[in-house]
Amino acid sequence: MNILIKLLTFLKPVRRLTFSSVSNRVTTALLQFLILVILLGFLGGTIKTASDLTMIMRSSVVESLRVAIINILALLALLEVFRTVQSYLDYGRVKVTFIVDTVLIILLNEVISYWFQSGLLTKMAPLLITIGILLLVRIAAIRFHPHKETDL
């Protein structure tokens, strides 16, 4: 009888595979792969931005700085996507402020592109209105956050 009890205590209960546990593991693996892709893209974008600065020798300073600003804003958007994925892996949820920050950076990139191309306010007006609304959403998300700590 003692041998049977020792054998039963030795055998730990086998965890059942559920759809939820399998989907969580697959999601985590895919997001970790996405983080690797984002980091490689960030490295490549940094190298491209640095190499684009050599354009100063070949073209005007204004043109090269325009390209550098647009590239840097794209890298910042990629960094915000990285923060969003990392937040999901750490907390199991995505913070609204991270998503709004990502969209704001992308829209600012578009505004700067329009500004350098033509500078027409009529083309930028819808983007500026959208940016204003997103800023209000971001402020509301921070101000009315359900937890005591702030998500800046």
Protein backbone atom coordinates (compact mmCIF):
# COMPACT_ATOMS: atom_id res chain seq x y z
CA MET A 1 0.00 0.00 0.00
CA ASN A 2 2.84 2.43 0.85
CA ILE A 3 4.43 1.72 -2.49
CA LEU A 4 1.17 2.56 -4.26
CA ILE A 5 0.86 5.87 -2.36
CA LYS A 6 4.48 6.78 -3.17
CA LEU A 7 3.88 5.92 -6.81
CA LEU A 8 0.74 8.05 -6.96
CA THR A 9 2.46 11.02 -5.31
CA PHE A 10 5.38 10.61 -7.69
CA LEU A 11 3.13 10.85 -10.70
CA LYS A 12 2.12 14.46 -10.94
CA PRO A 13 -1.17 15.25 -12.58
CA VAL A 14 -0.73 15.85 -16.28
CA ARG A 15 -1.91 19.27 -17.36
CA ARG A 16 -4.55 19.17 -20.01
CA LEU A 17 -3.99 21.13 -23.15
CA THR A 18 -6.75 23.61 -23.64
CA PHE A 19 -7.37 25.94 -26.52
CA SER A 20 -6.60 28.88 -24.26
CA SER A 21 -3.22 27.59 -23.13
CA VAL A 22 -2.19 26.64 -26.67
CA SER A 23 -3.32 29.99 -28.11
CA ASN A 24 -1.48 31.88 -25.34
CA ARG A 25 1.74 30.00 -26.09
CA VAL A 26 1.39 30.51 -29.85
CA THR A 27 0.60 34.21 -29.37
CA THR A 28 3.61 34.65 -27.09
CA ALA A 29 5.91 32.88 -29.55
CA LEU A 30 4.66 34.97 -32.48
CA LEU A 31 5.01 38.21 -30.53
CA GLN A 32 8.55 37.31 -29.49
CA PHE A 33 9.35 36.69 -33.15
CA LEU A 34 7.74 40.05 -33.96
CA ILE A 35 10.00 41.72 -31.40
CA LEU A 36 13.01 40.23 -33.15
CA VAL A 37 11.75 41.52 -36.52
CA ILE A 38 11.10 44.97 -35.02
CA LEU A 39 14.61 45.11 -33.56
CA LEU A 40 16.15 44.08 -36.88
CA GLY A 41 14.04 46.71 -38.65
CA PHE A 42 15.09 49.31 -36.10
CA LEU A 43 18.75 48.44 -36.65
CA GLY A 44 18.32 48.59 -40.43
CA GLY A 45 16.46 51.89 -40.21
CA THR A 46 19.16 53.37 -38.01
CA ILE A 47 21.85 52.33 -40.47
CA LYS A 48 19.81 53.73 -43.38
CA THR A 49 19.26 57.04 -41.58
CA ALA A 50 22.96 57.33 -40.83
CA SER A 51 23.85 56.55 -44.44
CA ASP A 52 21.28 59.08 -45.68
CA LEU A 53 23.13 61.78 -43.78
CA THR A 54 25.92 61.40 -46.35
CA MET A 55 23.43 63.01 -48.77
CA ILE A 56 24.48 66.35 -47.30
CA MET A 57 27.58 66.15 -49.48
CA ARG A 58 25.54 65.47 -52.64
CA SER A 59 22.37 67.49 -52.15
CA SER A 60 21.10 70.42 -50.16
CA VAL A 61 21.17 70.44 -46.40
CA VAL A 62 17.41 71.05 -46.24
CA GLU A 63 16.66 67.97 -48.38
CA SER A 64 18.95 65.71 -46.35
CA LEU A 65 17.56 66.94 -43.05
CA ARG A 66 14.00 66.42 -44.35
CA VAL A 67 14.84 62.80 -45.15
CA ALA A 68 16.53 62.38 -41.75
CA ILE A 69 13.53 63.80 -39.87
CA ILE A 70 11.08 61.55 -41.71
CA ASN A 71 13.29 58.50 -41.14
CA ILE A 72 13.71 59.28 -37.45
CA LEU A 73 9.96 59.69 -36.98
CA ALA A 74 9.41 56.33 -38.68
CA LEU A 75 11.94 54.79 -36.28
CA LEU A 76 10.11 56.35 -33.32
CA ALA A 77 6.84 54.84 -34.57
CA LEU A 78 8.58 51.46 -34.76
CA LEU A 79 9.84 51.97 -31.21
CA GLU A 80 6.28 52.64 -30.03
CA VAL A 81 5.11 49.42 -31.70
CA PHE A 82 7.90 47.63 -29.82
CA ARG A 83 6.70 49.17 -26.53
CA THR A 84 3.14 48.07 -27.30
CA VAL A 85 4.18 44.47 -27.99
CA GLN A 86 6.41 44.40 -24.92
CA SER A 87 3.57 45.76 -22.79
CA TYR A 88 1.27 43.02 -24.03
CA LEU A 89 3.87 40.34 -23.23
CA ASP A 90 4.50 41.77 -19.76
CA TYR A 91 0.96 42.62 -18.66
CA GLY A 92 -1.29 40.64 -20.99
CA ARG A 93 -2.96 43.82 -22.20
CA VAL A 94 -2.17 46.79 -24.38
CA LYS A 95 -2.20 50.29 -22.93
CA VAL A 96 -4.29 52.80 -24.86
CA THR A 97 -1.60 55.45 -24.53
CA PHE A 98 0.91 53.27 -26.41
CA ILE A 99 -1.46 52.83 -29.34
CA VAL A 100 -2.36 56.52 -29.41
CA ASP A 101 1.33 57.47 -29.23
CA THR A 102 2.10 55.22 -32.20
CA VAL A 103 -0.68 56.71 -34.30
CA LEU A 104 0.33 60.25 -33.28
CA ILE A 105 3.90 59.69 -34.41
CA ILE A 106 2.77 58.26 -37.74
CA LEU A 107 0.38 61.19 -38.32
CA LEU A 108 3.08 63.70 -37.38
CA ASN A 109 5.30 62.01 -39.94
CA GLU A 110 2.59 62.56 -42.56
CA VAL A 111 2.14 66.21 -41.56
CA ILE A 112 5.87 66.83 -41.88
CA SER A 113 5.92 65.08 -45.25
CA TYR A 114 3.07 67.29 -46.53
CA TRP A 115 4.71 70.34 -45.07
CA PHE A 116 7.97 69.67 -46.91
CA GLN A 117 6.18 68.81 -50.16
CA SER A 118 3.76 71.68 -50.56
CA GLY A 119 3.04 73.30 -47.24
CA LEU A 120 -0.66 73.60 -48.08
CA LEU A 121 -2.76 73.84 -44.96
CA THR A 122 -5.77 72.43 -46.81
CA LYS A 123 -4.03 69.07 -47.20
CA MET A 124 -2.85 69.06 -43.60
CA ALA A 125 -6.11 70.21 -41.98
CA PRO A 126 -7.73 66.73 -41.69
CA LEU A 127 -4.51 65.32 -40.26
CA LEU A 128 -4.20 68.18 -37.77
CA ILE A 129 -7.81 67.70 -36.66
CA THR A 130 -7.17 63.97 -36.20
CA ILE A 131 -4.02 64.72 -34.21
CA GLY A 132 -6.00 67.10 -31.99
CA ILE A 133 -8.66 64.46 -31.33
CA LEU A 134 -6.01 61.84 -30.56
CA LEU A 135 -4.33 64.24 -28.14
CA LEU A 136 -7.65 64.64 -26.33
CA VAL A 137 -8.04 60.83 -26.23
CA ARG A 138 -4.53 60.48 -24.80
CA ILE A 139 -5.18 63.10 -22.13
CA ALA A 140 -8.49 61.43 -21.23
CA ALA A 141 -6.81 58.00 -21.05
CA ILE A 142 -4.25 59.33 -18.59
CA ARG A 143 -6.65 61.49 -16.59
CA PHE A 144 -9.34 58.84 -16.18
CA HIS A 145 -7.06 55.82 -15.78
CA PRO A 146 -8.66 53.26 -13.42
CA HIS A 147 -5.43 52.65 -11.48
CA LYS A 148 -3.59 55.05 -9.21
CA GLU A 149 -0.35 55.01 -11.23
CA THR A 150 -0.12 57.03 -14.44
CA ASP A 151 0.82 55.64 -17.85
CA LEU A 152 2.90 58.35 -19.40
